[in-house]
């Protein structure tokens, strides 16, 4: 049986938790998902953040706003802005 995109993303996040790492990097964790799938993943990421540092790379500003305490904007490989959402 084939897994849906949402199921594969959840599995990838679960696998990232197997190690003892204190920092987890997620690259576009909800790309290609419907809104329901995104909300499920966002809920899991928020739970993970209670015990670990989570770095999310995303082009989705709604996702960034929903998940991030701090945001960094990278342009042409250079960090051009970093801070809280109050900037």
PDB file of N, CA and C in Angstrom:
ATOM      1  N   UNK A   1       0.845  -1.176   0.000  1.00  0.00           N
ATOM      2  CA  UNK A   1       0.000   0.000   0.000  1.00  0.00           C
ATOM      3  C   UNK A   1       0.890   1.239   0.000  1.00  0.00           C
ATOM      4  N   UNK A   2       0.586   2.168  -0.862  1.00  0.00           N
ATOM      5  CA  UNK A   2       1.368   3.398  -0.962  1.00  0.00           C
ATOM      6  C   UNK A   2       0.924   4.387   0.121  1.00  0.00           C
ATOM      7  N   UNK A   3       1.879   5.158   0.594  1.00  0.00           N
ATOM      8  CA  UNK A   3       1.593   6.181   1.608  1.00  0.00           C
ATOM      9  C   UNK A   3       1.270   7.506   0.927  1.00  0.00           C
ATOM     10  N   UNK A   4       0.415   8.287   1.564  1.00  0.00           N
ATOM     11  CA  UNK A   4       0.119   9.620   1.053  1.00  0.00           C
ATOM     12  C   UNK A   4       1.298  10.533   1.352  1.00  0.00           C
ATOM     13  N   UNK A   5       1.314  11.695   0.725  1.00  0.00           N
ATOM     14  CA  UNK A   5       2.362  12.685   0.968  1.00  0.00           C
ATOM     15  C   UNK A   5       2.393  13.068   2.446  1.00  0.00           C
ATOM     16  N   UNK A   6       1.228  13.268   3.029  1.00  0.00           N
ATOM     17  CA  UNK A   6       1.131  13.629   4.437  1.00  0.00           C
ATOM     18  C   UNK A   6       1.707  12.530   5.332  1.00  0.00           C
ATOM     19  N   UNK A   7       1.399  11.287   5.018  1.00  0.00           N
ATOM     20  CA  UNK A   7       1.928  10.164   5.802  1.00  0.00           C
ATOM     21  C   UNK A   7       3.446  10.074   5.685  1.00  0.00           C
ATOM     22  N   UNK A   8       3.981  10.291   4.492  1.00  0.00           N
ATOM     23  CA  UNK A   8       5.440  10.258   4.304  1.00  0.00           C
ATOM     24  C   UNK A   8       6.112  11.374   5.101  1.00  0.00           C
ATOM     25  N   UNK A   9       5.518  12.564   5.098  1.00  0.00           N
ATOM     26  CA  UNK A   9       6.091  13.684   5.851  1.00  0.00           C
ATOM     27  C   UNK A   9       6.066  13.389   7.347  1.00  0.00           C
ATOM     28  N   UNK A  10       4.953  12.847   7.859  1.00  0.00           N
ATOM     29  CA  UNK A  10       4.866  12.513   9.281  1.00  0.00           C
ATOM     30  C   UNK A  10       5.893  11.441   9.646  1.00  0.00           C
ATOM     31  N   UNK A  11       6.077  10.466   8.763  1.00  0.00           N
ATOM     32  CA  UNK A  11       7.071   9.429   9.001  1.00  0.00           C
ATOM     33  C   UNK A  11       8.477  10.021   9.048  1.00  0.00           C
ATOM     34  N   UNK A  12       8.774  10.941   8.143  1.00  0.00           N
ATOM     35  CA  UNK A  12      10.093  11.579   8.122  1.00  0.00           C
ATOM     36  C   UNK A  12      10.350  12.343   9.415  1.00  0.00           C
ATOM     37  N   UNK A  13       9.340  13.031   9.908  1.00  0.00           N
ATOM     38  CA  UNK A  13       9.492  13.764  11.169  1.00  0.00           C
ATOM     39  C   UNK A  13       9.686  12.781  12.315  1.00  0.00           C
ATOM     40  N   UNK A  14       8.905  11.707  12.339  1.00  0.00           N
ATOM     41  CA  UNK A  14       9.051  10.693  13.390  1.00  0.00           C
ATOM     42  C   UNK A  14      10.448  10.081  13.363  1.00  0.00           C
ATOM     43  N   UNK A  15      10.969   9.799  12.184  1.00  0.00           N
ATOM     44  CA  UNK A  15      12.314   9.227  12.076  1.00  0.00           C
ATOM     45  C   UNK A  15      13.376  10.198  12.577  1.00  0.00           C
ATOM     46  N   UNK A  16      13.146  11.484  12.371  1.00  0.00           N
ATOM     47  CA  UNK A  16      14.123  12.475  12.839  1.00  0.00           C
ATOM     48  C   UNK A  16      14.191  12.515  14.357  1.00  0.00           C
ATOM     49  N   UNK A  17      13.171  12.038  15.024  1.00  0.00           N
ATOM     50  CA  UNK A  17      13.129  12.045  16.493  1.00  0.00           C
ATOM     51  C   UNK A  17      13.814  10.837  17.120  1.00  0.00           C
ATOM     52  N   UNK A  18      14.162   9.846  16.320  1.00  0.00           N
ATOM     53  CA  UNK A  18      14.750   8.620  16.861  1.00  0.00           C
ATOM     54  C   UNK A  18      16.112   8.831  17.493  1.00  0.00           C
ATOM     55  N   UNK A  19      16.871   9.776  16.993  1.00  0.00           N
ATOM     56  CA  UNK A  19      18.203  10.029  17.537  1.00  0.00           C
ATOM     57  C   UNK A  19      18.146  10.850  18.811  1.00  0.00           C
ATOM     58  N   UNK A  20      19.303  11.122  19.345  1.00  0.00           N
ATOM     59  CA  UNK A  20      19.417  11.912  20.574  1.00  0.00           C
ATOM     60  C   UNK A  20      19.676  13.388  20.286  1.00  0.00           C
ATOM     61  N   UNK A  21      19.515  13.792  19.052  1.00  0.00           N
ATOM     62  CA  UNK A  21      19.807  15.164  18.661  1.00  0.00           C
ATOM     63  C   UNK A  21      18.939  16.159  19.412  1.00  0.00           C
ATOM     64  N   UNK A  22      19.541  17.287  19.776  1.00  0.00           N
ATOM     65  CA  UNK A  22      18.801  18.356  20.439  1.00  0.00           C
ATOM     66  C   UNK A  22      18.271  19.366  19.430  1.00  0.00           C
ATOM     67  N   UNK A  23      18.742  19.255  18.178  1.00  0.00           N
ATOM     68  CA  UNK A  23      18.320  20.157  17.103  1.00  0.00           C
ATOM     69  C   UNK A  23      17.823  19.316  15.940  1.00  0.00           C
ATOM     70  N   UNK A  24      16.669  19.688  15.393  1.00  0.00           N
ATOM     71  CA  UNK A  24      16.105  18.990  14.244  1.00  0.00           C
ATOM     72  C   UNK A  24      15.911  19.999  13.127  1.00  0.00           C
ATOM     73  N   UNK A  25      16.382  19.659  11.941  1.00  0.00           N
ATOM     74  CA  UNK A  25      16.225  20.500  10.757  1.00  0.00           C
ATOM     75  C   UNK A  25      15.147  19.883   9.869  1.00  0.00           C
ATOM     76  N   UNK A  26      14.157  20.670   9.502  1.00  0.00           N
ATOM     77  CA  UNK A  26      13.083  20.220   8.622  1.00  0.00           C
ATOM     78  C   UNK A  26      13.047  21.114   7.391  1.00  0.00           C
ATOM     79  N   UNK A  27      13.124  20.493   6.220  1.00  0.00           N
ATOM     80  CA  UNK A  27      13.109  21.235   4.966  1.00  0.00           C
ATOM     81  C   UNK A  27      11.731  21.107   4.343  1.00  0.00           C
ATOM     82  N   UNK A  28      10.995  22.214   4.306  1.00  0.00           N
ATOM     83  CA  UNK A  28       9.656  22.278   3.709  1.00  0.00           C
ATOM     84  C   UNK A  28       8.785  21.110   4.178  1.00  0.00           C
ATOM     85  N   UNK A  29       8.556  21.015   5.492  1.00  0.00           N
ATOM     86  CA  UNK A  29       7.872  19.833   6.025  1.00  0.00           C
ATOM     87  C   UNK A  29       6.431  19.653   5.563  1.00  0.00           C
ATOM     88  N   UNK A  30       5.795  20.692   5.047  1.00  0.00           N
ATOM     89  CA  UNK A  30       4.399  20.542   4.622  1.00  0.00           C
ATOM     90  C   UNK A  30       4.183  20.855   3.149  1.00  0.00           C
ATOM     91  N   UNK A  31       5.238  20.921   2.379  1.00  0.00           N
ATOM     92  CA  UNK A  31       5.067  21.246   0.958  1.00  0.00           C
ATOM     93  C   UNK A  31       4.192  20.196   0.275  1.00  0.00           C
ATOM     94  N   UNK A  32       3.269  20.660  -0.532  1.00  0.00           N
ATOM     95  CA  UNK A  32       2.406  19.764  -1.278  1.00  0.00           C
ATOM     96  C   UNK A  32       1.248  19.181  -0.479  1.00  0.00           C
ATOM     97  N   UNK A  33       1.070  19.614   0.760  1.00  0.00           N
ATOM     98  CA  UNK A  33      -0.013  19.078   1.588  1.00  0.00           C
ATOM     99  C   UNK A  33      -1.248  19.963   1.535  1.00  0.00           C
ATOM    100  N   UNK A  34      -2.384  19.335   1.804  1.00  0.00           N
ATOM    101  CA  UNK A  34      -3.601  20.117   1.964  1.00  0.00           C
ATOM    102  C   UNK A  34      -3.576  20.769   3.346  1.00  0.00           C
ATOM    103  N   UNK A  35      -4.517  21.663   3.605  1.00  0.00           N
ATOM    104  CA  UNK A  35      -4.524  22.420   4.849  1.00  0.00           C
ATOM    105  C   UNK A  35      -4.659  21.516   6.072  1.00  0.00           C
ATOM    106  N   UNK A  36      -5.461  20.489   5.987  1.00  0.00           N
ATOM    107  CA  UNK A  36      -5.621  19.558   7.117  1.00  0.00           C
ATOM    108  C   UNK A  36      -4.297  18.881   7.443  1.00  0.00           C
ATOM    109  N   UNK A  37      -3.600  18.424   6.417  1.00  0.00           N
ATOM    110  CA  UNK A  37      -2.295  17.791   6.620  1.00  0.00           C
ATOM    111  C   UNK A  37      -1.293  18.751   7.222  1.00  0.00           C
ATOM    112  N   UNK A  38      -1.311  20.001   6.751  1.00  0.00           N
ATOM    113  CA  UNK A  38      -0.407  21.010   7.308  1.00  0.00           C
ATOM    114  C   UNK A  38      -0.667  21.205   8.794  1.00  0.00           C
ATOM    115  N   UNK A  39      -1.933  21.308   9.167  1.00  0.00           N
ATOM    116  CA  UNK A  39      -2.256  21.518  10.574  1.00  0.00           C
ATOM    117  C   UNK A  39      -1.802  20.342  11.435  1.00  0.00           C
ATOM    118  N   UNK A  40      -1.913  19.127  10.923  1.00  0.00           N
ATOM    119  CA  UNK A  40      -1.445  17.952  11.665  1.00  0.00           C
ATOM    120  C   UNK A  40       0.066  18.020  11.892  1.00  0.00           C
ATOM    121  N   UNK A  41       0.803  18.368  10.856  1.00  0.00           N
ATOM    122  CA  UNK A  41       2.260  18.463  10.962  1.00  0.00           C
ATOM    123  C   UNK A  41       2.650  19.610  11.886  1.00  0.00           C
ATOM    124  N   UNK A  42       1.980  20.759  11.748  1.00  0.00           N
ATOM    125  CA  UNK A  42       2.293  21.908  12.613  1.00  0.00           C
ATOM    126  C   UNK A  42       2.090  21.558  14.078  1.00  0.00           C
ATOM    127  N   UNK A  43       1.037  20.805  14.380  1.00  0.00           N
ATOM    128  CA  UNK A  43       0.784  20.380  15.761  1.00  0.00           C
ATOM    129  C   UNK A  43       1.928  19.509  16.272  1.00  0.00           C
ATOM    130  N   UNK A  44       2.407  18.602  15.431  1.00  0.00           N
ATOM    131  CA  UNK A  44       3.511  17.733  15.839  1.00  0.00           C
ATOM    132  C   UNK A  44       4.798  18.539  16.042  1.00  0.00           C
ATOM    133  N   UNK A  45       5.064  19.489  15.162  1.00  0.00           N
ATOM    134  CA  UNK A  45       6.268  20.313  15.296  1.00  0.00           C
ATOM    135  C   UNK A  45       6.215  21.119  16.586  1.00  0.00           C
ATOM    136  N   UNK A  46       5.047  21.653  16.914  1.00  0.00           N
ATOM    137  CA  UNK A  46       4.918  22.401  18.177  1.00  0.00           C
ATOM    138  C   UNK A  46       5.209  21.510  19.383  1.00  0.00           C
ATOM    139  N   UNK A  47       4.792  20.262  19.337  1.00  0.00           N
ATOM    140  CA  UNK A  47       5.075  19.319  20.431  1.00  0.00           C
ATOM    141  C   UNK A  47       6.574  19.037  20.519  1.00  0.00           C
ATOM    142  N   UNK A  48       7.213  18.864  19.380  1.00  0.00           N
ATOM    143  CA  UNK A  48       8.653  18.595  19.337  1.00  0.00           C
ATOM    144  C   UNK A  48       9.423  19.762  19.936  1.00  0.00           C
ATOM    145  N   UNK A  49       8.965  20.987  19.665  1.00  0.00           N
ATOM    146  CA  UNK A  49       9.654  22.194  20.141  1.00  0.00           C
ATOM    147  C   UNK A  49       9.712  22.283  21.658  1.00  0.00           C
ATOM    148  N   UNK A  50       8.906  21.527  22.354  1.00  0.00           N
ATOM    149  CA  UNK A  50       8.928  21.556  23.816  1.00  0.00           C
ATOM    150  C   UNK A  50      10.235  20.988  24.370  1.00  0.00           C
ATOM    151  N   UNK A  51      10.877  20.080  23.601  1.00  0.00           N
ATOM    152  CA  UNK A  51      12.088  19.408  24.071  1.00  0.00           C
ATOM    153  C   UNK A  51      13.304  19.603  23.188  1.00  0.00           C
ATOM    154  N   UNK A  52      13.117  20.120  21.997  1.00  0.00           N
ATOM    155  CA  UNK A  52      14.210  20.236  21.037  1.00  0.00           C
ATOM    156  C   UNK A  52      14.135  21.574  20.308  1.00  0.00           C
ATOM    157  N   UNK A  53      15.238  21.964  19.731  1.00  0.00           N
ATOM    158  CA  UNK A  53      15.261  23.125  18.843  1.00  0.00           C
ATOM    159  C   UNK A  53      14.882  22.619  17.456  1.00  0.00           C
ATOM    160  N   UNK A  54      13.937  23.286  16.820  1.00  0.00           N
ATOM    161  CA  UNK A  54      13.504  22.885  15.483  1.00  0.00           C
ATOM    162  C   UNK A  54      13.783  24.037  14.524  1.00  0.00           C
ATOM    163  N   UNK A  55      14.530  23.751  13.469  1.00  0.00           N
ATOM    164  CA  UNK A  55      14.818  24.724  12.419  1.00  0.00           C
ATOM    165  C   UNK A  55      14.026  24.281  11.194  1.00  0.00           C
ATOM    166  N   UNK A  56      13.147  25.165  10.708  1.00  0.00           N
ATOM    167  CA  UNK A  56      12.303  24.846   9.563  1.00  0.00           C
ATOM    168  C   UNK A  56      12.687  25.746   8.400  1.00  0.00           C
ATOM    169  N   UNK A  57      13.036  25.153   7.282  1.00  0.00           N
ATOM    170  CA  UNK A  57      13.268  25.904   6.043  1.00  0.00           C
ATOM    171  C   UNK A  57      11.980  25.833   5.244  1.00  0.00           C
ATOM    172  N   UNK A  58      11.412  26.996   4.931  1.00  0.00           N
ATOM    173  CA  UNK A  58      10.145  27.008   4.205  1.00  0.00           C
ATOM    174  C   UNK A  58      10.020  28.281   3.371  1.00  0.00           C
ATOM    175  N   UNK A  59       9.278  28.181   2.294  1.00  0.00           N
ATOM    176  CA  UNK A  59       8.912  29.345   1.496  1.00  0.00           C
ATOM    177  C   UNK A  59       7.517  29.827   1.869  1.00  0.00           C
ATOM    178  N   UNK A  60       6.848  29.083   2.725  1.00  0.00           N
ATOM    179  CA  UNK A  60       5.471  29.355   3.110  1.00  0.00           C
ATOM    180  C   UNK A  60       5.451  30.288   4.320  1.00  0.00           C
ATOM    181  N   UNK A  61       5.130  31.555   4.091  1.00  0.00           N
ATOM    182  CA  UNK A  61       5.155  32.532   5.182  1.00  0.00           C
ATOM    183  C   UNK A  61       4.076  32.259   6.232  1.00  0.00           C
ATOM    184  N   UNK A  62       2.973  31.668   5.832  1.00  0.00           N
ATOM    185  CA  UNK A  62       1.951  31.289   6.810  1.00  0.00           C
ATOM    186  C   UNK A  62       2.511  30.216   7.737  1.00  0.00           C
ATOM    187  N   UNK A  63       3.203  29.244   7.161  1.00  0.00           N
ATOM    188  CA  UNK A  63       3.837  28.196   7.967  1.00  0.00           C
ATOM    189  C   UNK A  63       4.872  28.806   8.908  1.00  0.00           C
ATOM    190  N   UNK A  64       5.693  29.684   8.402  1.00  0.00           N
ATOM    191  CA  UNK A  64       6.718  30.317   9.229  1.00  0.00           C
ATOM    192  C   UNK A  64       6.077  31.086  10.373  1.00  0.00           C
ATOM    193  N   UNK A  65       5.040  31.832  10.080  1.00  0.00           N
ATOM    194  CA  UNK A  65       4.357  32.625  11.106  1.00  0.00           C
ATOM    195  C   UNK A  65       3.729  31.719  12.172  1.00  0.00           C
ATOM    196  N   UNK A  66       3.197  30.572  11.758  1.00  0.00           N
ATOM    197  CA  UNK A  66       2.560  29.642  12.680  1.00  0.00           C
ATOM    198  C   UNK A  66       3.545  28.895  13.566  1.00  0.00           C
ATOM    199  N   UNK A  67       4.778  28.732  13.106  1.00  0.00           N
ATOM    200  CA  UNK A  67       5.723  27.882  13.829  1.00  0.00           C
ATOM    201  C   UNK A  67       6.872  28.616  14.504  1.00  0.00           C
ATOM    202  N   UNK A  68       7.255  29.757  13.970  1.00  0.00           N
ATOM    203  CA  UNK A  68       8.539  30.344  14.357  1.00  0.00           C
ATOM    204  C   UNK A  68       8.446  31.320  15.518  1.00  0.00           C
ATOM    205  N   UNK A  69       9.420  31.211  16.405  1.00  0.00           N
ATOM    206  CA  UNK A  69       9.649  32.245  17.410  1.00  0.00           C
ATOM    207  C   UNK A  69      10.529  33.329  16.801  1.00  0.00           C
ATOM    208  N   UNK A  70      11.434  32.890  15.947  1.00  0.00           N
ATOM    209  CA  UNK A  70      12.359  33.785  15.256  1.00  0.00           C
ATOM    210  C   UNK A  70      12.368  33.393  13.789  1.00  0.00           C
ATOM    211  N   UNK A  71      12.684  34.376  12.948  1.00  0.00           N
ATOM    212  CA  UNK A  71      12.699  34.121  11.513  1.00  0.00           C
ATOM    213  C   UNK A  71      13.974  34.698  10.917  1.00  0.00           C
ATOM    214  N   UNK A  72      14.501  33.992   9.938  1.00  0.00           N
ATOM    215  CA  UNK A  72      15.645  34.486   9.180  1.00  0.00           C
ATOM    216  C   UNK A  72      15.292  34.445   7.702  1.00  0.00           C
ATOM    217  N   UNK A  73      15.638  35.493   6.999  1.00  0.00           N
ATOM    218  CA  UNK A  73      15.388  35.560   5.559  1.00  0.00           C
ATOM    219  C   UNK A  73      16.741  35.452   4.861  1.00  0.00           C
ATOM    220  N   UNK A  74      16.834  34.495   3.946  1.00  0.00           N
ATOM    221  CA  UNK A  74      18.067  34.278   3.193  1.00  0.00           C
ATOM    222  C   UNK A  74      17.812  34.654   1.745  1.00  0.00           C
ATOM    223  N   UNK A  75      18.700  35.476   1.203  1.00  0.00           N
ATOM    224  CA  UNK A  75      18.602  35.884  -0.199  1.00  0.00           C
ATOM    225  C   UNK A  75      19.966  35.694  -0.837  1.00  0.00           C
ATOM    226  N   UNK A  76      19.990  34.991  -1.948  1.00  0.00           N
ATOM    227  CA  UNK A  76      21.231  34.727  -2.679  1.00  0.00           C
ATOM    228  C   UNK A  76      22.308  34.141  -1.757  1.00  0.00           C
ATOM    229  N   UNK A  77      21.877  33.255  -0.860  1.00  0.00           N
ATOM    230  CA  UNK A  77      22.821  32.575   0.008  1.00  0.00           C
ATOM    231  C   UNK A  77      23.299  33.376   1.207  1.00  0.00           C
ATOM    232  N   UNK A  78      22.760  34.575   1.403  1.00  0.00           N
ATOM    233  CA  UNK A  78      23.190  35.415   2.519  1.00  0.00           C
ATOM    234  C   UNK A  78      22.001  35.724   3.424  1.00  0.00           C
ATOM    235  N   UNK A  79      22.241  35.691   4.729  1.00  0.00           N
ATOM    236  CA  UNK A  79      21.230  36.051   5.707  1.00  0.00           C
ATOM    237  C   UNK A  79      21.040  37.559   5.665  1.00  0.00           C
ATOM    238  N   UNK A  80      19.856  37.995   5.256  1.00  0.00           N
ATOM    239  CA  UNK A  80      19.610  39.436   5.105  1.00  0.00           C
ATOM    240  C   UNK A  80      18.724  39.998   6.220  1.00  0.00           C
ATOM    241  N   UNK A  81      18.054  39.127   6.954  1.00  0.00           N
ATOM    242  CA  UNK A  81      17.199  39.595   8.048  1.00  0.00           C
ATOM    243  C   UNK A  81      17.042  38.459   9.052  1.00  0.00           C
ATOM    244  N   UNK A  82      17.140  38.805  10.321  1.00  0.00           N
ATOM    245  CA  UNK A  82      16.970  37.810  11.366  1.00  0.00           C
ATOM    246  C   UNK A  82      16.362  38.484  12.581  1.00  0.00           C
ATOM    247  N   UNK A  83      15.359  37.866  13.151  1.00  0.00           N
ATOM    248  CA  UNK A  83      14.745  38.423  14.350  1.00  0.00           C
ATOM    249  C   UNK A  83      13.415  37.807  14.652  1.00  0.00           C
ATOM    250  N   UNK A  84      12.677  38.471  15.549  1.00  0.00           N
ATOM    251  CA  UNK A  84      11.334  38.016  15.881  1.00  0.00           C
ATOM    252  C   UNK A  84      10.373  38.565  14.836  1.00  0.00           C
ATOM    253  N   UNK A  85       9.113  38.206  14.960  1.00  0.00           N
ATOM    254  CA  UNK A  85       8.115  38.682  14.004  1.00  0.00           C
ATOM    255  C   UNK A  85       7.793  40.162  14.213  1.00  0.00           C
ATOM    256  N   UNK A  86       8.394  40.773  15.200  1.00  0.00           N
ATOM    257  CA  UNK A  86       8.125  42.182  15.480  1.00  0.00           C
ATOM    258  C   UNK A  86       8.948  43.136  14.625  1.00  0.00           C
ATOM    259  N   UNK A  87       9.775  42.609  13.724  1.00  0.00           N
ATOM    260  CA  UNK A  87      10.602  43.501  12.917  1.00  0.00           C
ATOM    261  C   UNK A  87       9.726  44.137  11.901  1.00  0.00           C
TER     262      UNK A  87
END
